[in-house]
Structures are given as structure tokens and as C-alpha cells.
Amino acid sequence: MSDSYYTKVHDFLKPFVDFLHPGEVKGLENLPDEPVVLCPNHCSWWDPILLISALRRDYPLQVMAKKQLFHIPILKTFLTKLGVFPVDRGNHDVAALKRSIQALREGSSLMIFPEGTRVRRNKQVRVKSGAGVIAVRAGVRMVPVYIGRKKPLFGKVPIIFGKPYTPVYTGRKGTAEEYKQNAEEVMRQVYELGGAQ
């Protein structure tokens, strides 16, 4: 990712995003000065844009996104320069897992949607274990982030950062069940931030 490219795009897009869907940001003080896995809920394609706009322009961040977005050459180039990388959601994508862990170990935080897809209502889909796997393997904490489901044009959208959650696991690498439990727990905290709306 090019830091200068990211900040230029951030500076260009933020005024438009704030105009169309101004974020009502709370809890930014909960974001630690260390790499974390940002775990937001996801119900709209606006969500990653709103979350990035809520962060400071120089916040070191990489984003995991579905591979279908990379099928369009121009969009692929744009996303890659921003630090977005693809994941094959239907399979165990080892390359995406390794890229995620590497990014965290090198000092970037990672944005991942633990539910794996857009969800209109709480518990509509089962939480995937990926966020838990990545956090445990990289040795980092997870930060629950609630993004308001309703996004009225020119209306405020709540974006709430919760306190960092330290994954609970046994042994050196944990178990598959523990990965799932940690991902489920952080999503429980996400919806708790939003009043389980």
C-alpha cells in the first residue's frame, strides 16, 4: 500500500462521504496504538467507506474484501493501491490468511467483516471463524465496531468503536472451536454497542 496514495484518496473522498452520510463517531479513544483486527458489522457497501472515513488519514490499515471486486481491472488497481486484498469467501483461502497475519505483524491494522457478507438483521447468518483465526495467529486484539444499519441521505450514521477484546484460547495456537467462539463474542459486542438493533 502506498501511504501517500491512501492519504490522497482519503482526503479526496472524506468531504463527499461526510456530506452524504456524516458519521457520528464515538469511542475512537478505544482504538489502541497497536495493530488490531477491526471487526464491524456489515449491511451496506457504504460500511467500509464510512469506517475508513472515521479513522485518521494516516491510520495504518489494510482491508480484506471479497475477490469478486477484483475482477474489474481498474477497480482492482485502485483497491490494491489502497491496501485492499482479496479473499475467496467460499473456500479456506490460505493466501488471504497469510497476508492478513503478515500485515498485522508488520504494523498495519486489518478490517474484516466477521460475518462474511452483508447482514440485514442480527444473527441472520452464522459468524465465520476467520477473524478469530487471524487475531490469535497474529497475537493481536480485536476491536468491535458498530455501524448503523440505517443510512439516510444526509443523515448521521452512528459509528461506535468498542473496547479492544483479547481473544481467549488454549495452547499456542488455539483450536477451531476457540477461533469461532472469539469471532462470535466480538460480534456479540458489536451488536451490544448498537443496542442489538
Protein backbone atom coordinates (compact mmCIF):
# COMPACT_ATOMS: atom_id res chain seq x y z
CA MET A 1 0.00 0.00 0.00
CA SER A 2 1.20 3.49 -0.83
CA ASP A 3 0.74 5.71 2.23
CA SER A 4 0.70 8.87 0.11
CA TYR A 5 -1.86 7.35 -2.26
CA TYR A 6 -4.07 6.31 0.67
CA THR A 7 -3.97 9.75 2.30
CA LYS A 8 -4.73 11.50 -1.00
CA VAL A 9 -7.75 9.29 -1.64
CA HIS A 10 -8.84 9.67 1.99
CA ASP A 11 -8.61 13.47 1.77
CA PHE A 12 -10.49 13.49 -1.54
CA LEU A 13 -13.33 11.18 -0.53
CA LYS A 14 -13.92 12.20 3.09
CA PRO A 15 -15.74 15.51 2.33
CA PHE A 16 -18.16 13.71 -0.02
CA VAL A 17 -18.73 10.87 2.45
CA ASP A 18 -19.28 13.31 5.33
CA PHE A 19 -21.75 15.25 3.18
CA LEU A 20 -23.81 12.25 2.05
CA HIS A 21 -23.60 10.13 5.20
CA PRO A 22 -21.98 12.09 8.04
CA GLY A 23 -20.62 9.73 10.65
CA GLU A 24 -21.50 10.22 14.30
CA VAL A 25 -18.27 8.72 15.62
CA LYS A 26 -17.93 7.54 19.20
CA GLY A 27 -15.26 5.59 21.05
CA LEU A 28 -12.25 6.42 18.88
CA GLU A 29 -10.29 6.67 22.13
CA ASN A 30 -10.77 2.90 22.44
CA LEU A 31 -8.60 2.32 19.39
CA PRO A 32 -5.17 1.36 20.74
CA ASP A 33 -1.86 2.48 19.28
CA GLU A 34 -1.08 -1.02 18.05
CA PRO A 35 -2.24 -3.29 15.22
CA VAL A 36 -5.71 -4.73 15.78
CA VAL A 37 -8.37 -6.58 13.84
CA LEU A 38 -11.25 -4.15 13.29
CA CYS A 39 -14.48 -6.18 13.36
CA PRO A 40 -17.52 -4.21 12.15
CA ASN A 41 -21.00 -5.39 11.28
CA HIS A 42 -21.85 -5.17 7.59
CA CYS A 43 -25.17 -4.35 5.96
CA SER A 44 -24.25 -1.94 3.15
CA TRP A 45 -21.47 -1.36 0.65
CA TRP A 46 -21.08 2.03 2.37
CA ASP A 47 -19.77 0.38 5.55
CA PRO A 48 -16.04 0.11 4.72
CA ILE A 49 -16.05 3.63 3.28
CA LEU A 50 -17.73 5.06 6.38
CA LEU A 51 -15.35 3.24 8.70
CA ILE A 52 -12.25 4.36 6.82
CA SER A 53 -13.56 7.94 6.82
CA ALA A 54 -13.98 7.76 10.60
CA LEU A 55 -10.31 6.89 11.04
CA ARG A 56 -7.49 9.38 10.89
CA ARG A 57 -5.97 9.90 7.46
CA ASP A 58 -2.64 8.29 8.39
CA TYR A 59 -4.09 5.27 10.20
CA PRO A 60 -2.19 2.17 9.00
CA LEU A 61 -4.88 -0.11 7.64
CA GLN A 62 -5.37 -2.98 5.25
CA VAL A 63 -8.75 -4.36 4.26
CA MET A 64 -9.90 -7.84 3.33
CA ALA A 65 -12.60 -7.84 0.62
CA LYS A 66 -14.38 -10.43 -1.49
CA LYS A 67 -12.42 -11.49 -4.57
CA GLN A 68 -15.27 -10.62 -6.94
CA LEU A 69 -14.39 -6.94 -6.56
CA PHE A 70 -11.01 -7.65 -8.15
CA HIS A 71 -12.47 -8.98 -11.40
CA ILE A 72 -12.70 -5.43 -12.77
CA PRO A 73 -9.14 -4.36 -13.77
CA ILE A 74 -9.50 -0.65 -12.96
CA LEU A 75 -11.15 -1.35 -9.62
CA LYS A 76 -8.53 -3.99 -8.84
CA THR A 77 -5.71 -1.48 -9.35
CA PHE A 78 -7.46 1.15 -7.24
CA LEU A 79 -8.21 -1.23 -4.36
CA THR A 80 -4.74 -2.77 -4.37
CA LYS A 81 -3.11 0.66 -4.06
CA LEU A 82 -5.37 1.39 -1.09
CA GLY A 83 -4.22 -1.73 0.74
CA VAL A 84 -7.28 -3.85 -0.03
CA PHE A 85 -6.66 -7.51 -0.84
CA PRO A 86 -8.97 -10.32 -1.99
CA VAL A 87 -10.33 -13.30 -0.13
CA ASP A 88 -12.18 -16.28 -1.52
CA ARG A 89 -15.04 -16.44 0.95
CA GLY A 90 -16.27 -19.82 -0.24
CA ASN A 91 -13.04 -21.67 0.48
CA HIS A 92 -10.25 -21.77 3.02
CA ASP A 93 -8.15 -19.01 1.47
CA VAL A 94 -4.67 -19.68 2.88
CA ALA A 95 -3.09 -16.85 0.88
CA ALA A 96 -5.51 -14.28 2.34
CA LEU A 97 -4.91 -15.68 5.83
CA LYS A 98 -1.14 -15.35 5.46
CA ARG A 99 -1.47 -11.84 4.01
CA SER A 100 -3.64 -10.80 6.96
CA ILE A 101 -1.24 -12.11 9.59
CA GLN A 102 1.74 -10.56 7.80
CA ALA A 103 0.03 -7.16 7.62
CA LEU A 104 -0.69 -7.20 11.36
CA ARG A 105 2.82 -8.30 12.25
CA GLU A 106 4.23 -5.50 10.09
CA GLY A 107 2.23 -2.86 11.96
CA SER A 108 -0.99 -2.39 9.98
CA SER A 109 -4.42 -2.97 11.42
CA LEU A 110 -6.84 -5.14 9.48
CA MET A 111 -10.51 -4.56 8.66
CA ILE A 112 -12.52 -7.74 8.24
CA PHE A 113 -16.27 -8.38 8.37
CA PRO A 114 -16.56 -11.45 10.64
CA GLU A 115 -19.99 -12.36 9.30
CA GLY A 116 -18.51 -12.69 5.82
CA THR A 117 -21.32 -10.95 3.96
CA ARG A 118 -23.88 -8.17 4.27
CA VAL A 119 -26.37 -8.86 7.05
CA ARG A 120 -29.65 -7.02 7.42
CA ARG A 121 -30.56 -8.33 10.88
CA ASN A 122 -28.55 -9.55 13.86
CA LYS A 123 -27.91 -13.32 13.78
CA GLN A 124 -29.22 -13.59 10.22
CA VAL A 125 -26.06 -15.52 9.30
CA ARG A 126 -23.55 -17.54 11.28
CA VAL A 127 -20.35 -15.73 12.21
CA LYS A 128 -17.30 -17.09 10.41
CA SER A 129 -14.21 -18.04 12.41
CA GLY A 130 -11.71 -16.15 10.20
CA ALA A 131 -11.39 -13.04 12.38
CA GLY A 132 -10.65 -15.25 15.38
CA VAL A 133 -8.07 -17.29 13.48
CA ILE A 134 -6.25 -14.17 12.31
CA ALA A 135 -6.24 -12.42 15.68
CA VAL A 136 -4.96 -15.49 17.54
CA ARG A 137 -2.31 -16.39 14.97
CA ALA A 138 -1.06 -12.80 14.75
CA GLY A 139 -1.21 -12.26 18.52
CA VAL A 140 -3.36 -9.13 18.36
CA ARG A 141 -6.60 -7.90 19.89
CA MET A 142 -9.94 -7.44 18.17
CA VAL A 143 -11.94 -4.21 18.20
CA PRO A 144 -15.73 -4.39 17.83
CA VAL A 145 -17.17 -1.62 15.66
CA TYR A 146 -20.86 -0.94 15.22
CA ILE A 147 -22.00 0.86 12.07
CA GLY A 148 -25.63 1.99 11.99
CA ARG A 149 -27.83 -0.02 9.66
CA LYS A 150 -29.96 2.93 8.60
CA LYS A 151 -28.11 5.31 6.29
CA PRO A 152 -30.49 8.12 5.33
CA LEU A 153 -29.10 10.53 2.76
CA PHE A 154 -27.51 13.50 4.58
CA GLY A 155 -28.45 11.85 7.89
CA LYS A 156 -25.99 10.92 10.62
CA VAL A 157 -24.78 7.32 10.80
CA PRO A 158 -23.52 6.09 14.19
CA ILE A 159 -20.04 4.54 14.11
CA ILE A 160 -19.12 3.21 17.54
CA PHE A 161 -15.72 1.74 18.46
CA GLY A 162 -15.81 -0.62 21.42
CA LYS A 163 -13.00 -1.54 23.78
CA PRO A 164 -10.37 -3.98 22.46
CA TYR A 165 -11.19 -7.61 23.05
CA THR A 166 -8.37 -10.05 23.81
CA PRO A 167 -9.05 -13.47 22.26
CA VAL A 168 -9.31 -16.35 24.70
CA TYR A 169 -7.66 -19.60 23.69
CA THR A 170 -5.63 -22.53 24.97
CA GLY A 171 -2.22 -23.73 23.89
CA ARG A 172 -0.01 -21.83 21.47
CA LYS A 173 -2.41 -21.60 18.54
CA GLY A 174 -5.84 -22.32 19.99
CA THR A 175 -8.48 -24.59 18.47
CA ALA A 176 -11.01 -24.26 15.66
CA GLU A 177 -13.80 -24.06 18.24
CA GLU A 178 -12.00 -21.28 20.10
CA TYR A 179 -11.50 -19.28 16.89
CA LYS A 180 -15.25 -19.45 16.28
CA GLN A 181 -16.10 -18.56 19.86
CA ASN A 182 -13.85 -15.50 19.78
CA ALA A 183 -15.36 -14.29 16.49
CA GLU A 184 -18.86 -14.82 17.87
CA GLU A 185 -18.01 -12.97 21.08
CA VAL A 186 -16.65 -9.93 19.29
CA MET A 187 -19.78 -9.77 17.10
CA ARG A 188 -21.92 -10.05 20.20
CA GLN A 189 -20.09 -6.99 21.49
CA VAL A 190 -20.61 -5.22 18.15
CA TYR A 191 -24.37 -5.56 18.33
CA GLU A 192 -24.34 -4.68 22.01
CA LEU A 193 -22.71 -1.36 21.06
CA GLY A 194 -25.62 -0.71 18.71
CA GLY A 195 -28.22 -1.76 21.24
CA ALA A 196 -28.74 -5.04 19.35
CA GLN A 197 -30.66 -3.11 16.71
